[in-house]
Amino acid sequence: MSACEKTNQWERAADALSQLPVAALQPSLVACNAALSACRWRVAARMLATLRRLLRPDLVSWNAFASACEKQSVWRSVLGVFQQLSLQRLAPDERTFAAAFFSSTWPRALRLARQMAAASLQLDVIMHQTLLESSLCVRQPPKDTFQQLSELGVSLLRGIKH
């Protein structure tokens, strides 16, 4: 599974996982998470549904699904991960927020950045850049945008690519 993930061969990962019951093997959470990480979002959604019947998905499972959704800009599914984590009493981490962040527009990205700050999680440099880029598309006075960014500790200089 891990080899499929690293080489982006999601079809092989899904096939390998589906063959486990045929061989009378119980899939492990680690194997399922590796397969999820290799999949595109539709396959990942089906795989996650199967995983939920067999095992209890953990934060890695949900982050793998969120990442698969983010890569194909399925932002509603990414945001649904936050609801599922809450139901399982799991806290989102930087990876969860990153998947949501990179598939969001300015208002949503700003809310996510505030949620990260409230959870004592740090925006990384790429998130700073993404937030700055999304702020360029807003229809509000630049002064307000810059104030919102500075309240989050986003520096214009940190977001500039070198």
Protein backbone atom coordinates (compact mmCIF):
# COMPACT_ATOMS: atom_id res chain seq x y z
CA MET A 1 0.00 0.00 0.00
CA SER A 2 2.75 2.40 0.93
CA ALA A 3 4.53 1.82 -2.38
CA CYS A 4 1.29 2.60 -4.24
CA GLU A 5 0.90 5.79 -2.22
CA LYS A 6 4.45 6.94 -2.95
CA THR A 7 4.12 6.26 -6.69
CA ASN A 8 0.57 7.67 -6.95
CA GLN A 9 -0.89 4.37 -8.16
CA TRP A 10 -4.29 4.69 -6.54
CA GLU A 11 -5.91 1.99 -8.70
CA ARG A 12 -3.42 -0.59 -7.47
CA ALA A 13 -3.88 0.54 -3.86
CA ALA A 14 -7.66 0.21 -4.10
CA ASP A 15 -7.34 -3.18 -5.80
CA ALA A 16 -4.87 -4.45 -3.20
CA LEU A 17 -7.15 -3.36 -0.38
CA SER A 18 -10.20 -4.99 -1.98
CA GLN A 19 -8.30 -8.29 -2.25
CA LEU A 20 -7.65 -8.55 1.50
CA PRO A 21 -11.08 -10.03 2.37
CA VAL A 22 -10.77 -12.48 -0.54
CA ALA A 23 -7.54 -13.73 1.02
CA ALA A 24 -9.32 -13.89 4.41
CA LEU A 25 -7.13 -11.09 5.76
CA GLN A 26 -8.37 -8.28 7.97
CA PRO A 27 -7.07 -4.93 6.71
CA SER A 28 -5.10 -2.89 9.21
CA LEU A 29 -5.73 0.79 9.78
CA VAL A 30 -2.19 1.52 8.58
CA ALA A 31 -2.82 -0.32 5.28
CA CYS A 32 -6.15 1.43 4.83
CA ASN A 33 -4.61 4.83 5.52
CA ALA A 34 -1.82 4.20 3.01
CA ALA A 35 -4.39 3.18 0.40
CA LEU A 36 -6.52 6.25 1.19
CA SER A 37 -3.47 8.47 0.76
CA ALA A 38 -2.91 7.08 -2.73
CA CYS A 39 -6.49 7.57 -3.96
CA ARG A 40 -8.41 10.24 -5.78
CA TRP A 41 -11.35 11.64 -3.89
CA ARG A 42 -14.19 9.48 -5.29
CA VAL A 43 -12.29 6.27 -4.67
CA ALA A 44 -11.13 7.62 -1.31
CA ALA A 45 -14.76 8.33 -0.36
CA ARG A 46 -15.79 4.75 -1.17
CA MET A 47 -12.74 3.39 0.59
CA LEU A 48 -13.43 5.51 3.67
CA ALA A 49 -17.03 4.26 3.76
CA THR A 50 -15.71 0.68 3.70
CA LEU A 51 -13.11 1.51 6.33
CA ARG A 52 -15.81 2.92 8.60
CA ARG A 53 -17.65 -0.43 8.47
CA LEU A 54 -14.51 -2.43 9.31
CA LEU A 55 -12.42 -0.20 11.56
CA ARG A 56 -12.58 3.17 13.23
CA PRO A 57 -10.90 5.82 11.05
CA ASP A 58 -8.31 7.89 12.90
CA LEU A 59 -6.98 11.39 12.27
CA VAL A 60 -4.58 10.05 9.63
CA SER A 61 -7.53 8.46 7.79
CA TRP A 62 -9.54 11.66 7.78
CA ASN A 63 -6.52 13.74 6.76
CA ALA A 64 -5.78 11.38 3.86
CA PHE A 65 -9.38 11.74 2.70
CA ALA A 66 -9.28 15.53 3.13
CA SER A 67 -6.07 15.70 1.12
CA ALA A 68 -7.58 13.61 -1.69
CA CYS A 69 -10.55 15.98 -1.79
CA GLU A 70 -8.37 19.09 -1.68
CA LYS A 71 -6.28 17.91 -4.62
CA GLN A 72 -9.42 17.86 -6.75
CA SER A 73 -10.98 21.01 -5.21
CA VAL A 74 -13.88 19.19 -3.54
CA TRP A 75 -13.95 21.70 -0.69
CA ARG A 76 -17.34 20.69 0.75
CA SER A 77 -16.04 17.21 1.43
CA VAL A 78 -12.91 18.68 2.99
CA LEU A 79 -15.05 20.78 5.32
CA GLY A 80 -17.16 17.70 6.12
CA VAL A 81 -14.03 16.13 7.58
CA PHE A 82 -14.15 18.71 10.39
CA GLN A 83 -17.68 17.55 11.27
CA GLN A 84 -16.63 13.90 11.27
CA LEU A 85 -13.62 14.63 13.46
CA SER A 86 -15.87 16.44 15.92
CA LEU A 87 -18.28 13.48 16.00
CA GLN A 88 -15.36 11.16 16.77
CA ARG A 89 -13.99 13.58 19.36
CA LEU A 90 -10.79 14.05 17.37
CA ALA A 91 -9.10 17.42 16.99
CA PRO A 92 -8.06 18.61 13.54
CA ASP A 93 -4.35 19.21 13.10
CA GLU A 94 -2.24 21.29 10.71
CA ARG A 95 -2.77 18.78 7.88
CA THR A 96 -6.53 18.89 8.28
CA PHE A 97 -6.50 22.67 8.17
CA ALA A 98 -4.06 22.71 5.25
CA ALA A 99 -6.38 20.57 3.11
CA ALA A 100 -9.31 22.86 3.90
CA PHE A 101 -7.21 25.97 3.56
CA PHE A 102 -5.87 25.22 0.09
CA SER A 103 -9.35 24.51 -1.27
CA SER A 104 -10.92 27.68 0.17
CA THR A 105 -11.62 31.21 -0.94
CA TRP A 106 -10.77 34.32 1.10
CA PRO A 107 -13.63 34.40 3.64
CA ARG A 108 -13.39 30.68 4.38
CA ALA A 109 -9.58 30.75 4.47
CA LEU A 110 -9.72 33.66 6.91
CA ARG A 111 -12.13 31.74 9.17
CA LEU A 112 -9.90 28.67 9.02
CA ALA A 113 -6.84 30.75 9.90
CA ARG A 114 -8.71 32.12 12.92
CA GLN A 115 -9.73 28.59 13.95
CA MET A 116 -6.11 27.50 13.66
CA ALA A 117 -5.00 30.38 15.87
CA ALA A 118 -7.70 29.48 18.42
CA ALA A 119 -6.41 25.89 18.42
CA SER A 120 -2.82 27.12 18.91
CA LEU A 121 -1.82 25.81 15.48
CA GLN A 122 0.57 27.79 13.29
CA LEU A 123 0.12 28.84 9.69
CA ASP A 124 3.12 27.72 7.68
CA VAL A 125 4.78 29.82 4.98
CA ILE A 126 2.73 28.22 2.19
CA MET A 127 -0.49 28.97 4.07
CA HIS A 128 0.67 32.57 4.51
CA GLN A 129 1.24 32.80 0.75
CA THR A 130 -2.14 31.23 -0.01
CA LEU A 131 -3.91 33.58 2.39
CA LEU A 132 -2.19 36.59 0.85
CA GLU A 133 -3.07 35.47 -2.67
CA SER A 134 -6.71 34.85 -1.77
CA SER A 135 -6.88 38.28 -0.10
CA LEU A 136 -6.12 39.90 -3.46
CA CYS A 137 -9.51 38.74 -4.76
CA VAL A 138 -11.68 40.34 -2.08
CA ARG A 139 -13.94 43.32 -2.54
CA GLN A 140 -13.18 45.26 0.57
CA PRO A 141 -10.85 48.15 1.29
CA PRO A 142 -7.19 47.02 1.34
CA LYS A 143 -6.85 48.58 4.80
CA ASP A 144 -9.46 46.14 6.18
CA THR A 145 -7.79 43.19 4.47
CA PHE A 146 -4.37 44.11 5.83
CA GLN A 147 -5.82 44.59 9.31
CA GLN A 148 -7.42 41.13 9.19
CA LEU A 149 -4.15 39.61 8.04
CA SER A 150 -2.10 41.37 10.70
CA GLU A 151 -4.52 40.24 13.43
CA LEU A 152 -3.58 36.70 12.43
CA GLY A 153 0.11 37.52 12.47
CA VAL A 154 0.38 37.21 8.70
CA SER A 155 3.26 39.30 7.50
CA LEU A 156 3.30 40.52 3.95
CA LEU A 157 7.03 39.88 3.86
CA ARG A 158 6.69 36.26 5.03
CA GLY A 159 4.33 35.49 2.18
CA ILE A 160 6.55 36.86 -0.57
CA LYS A 161 8.22 34.22 -2.71
CA HIS A 162 11.96 34.60 -3.08
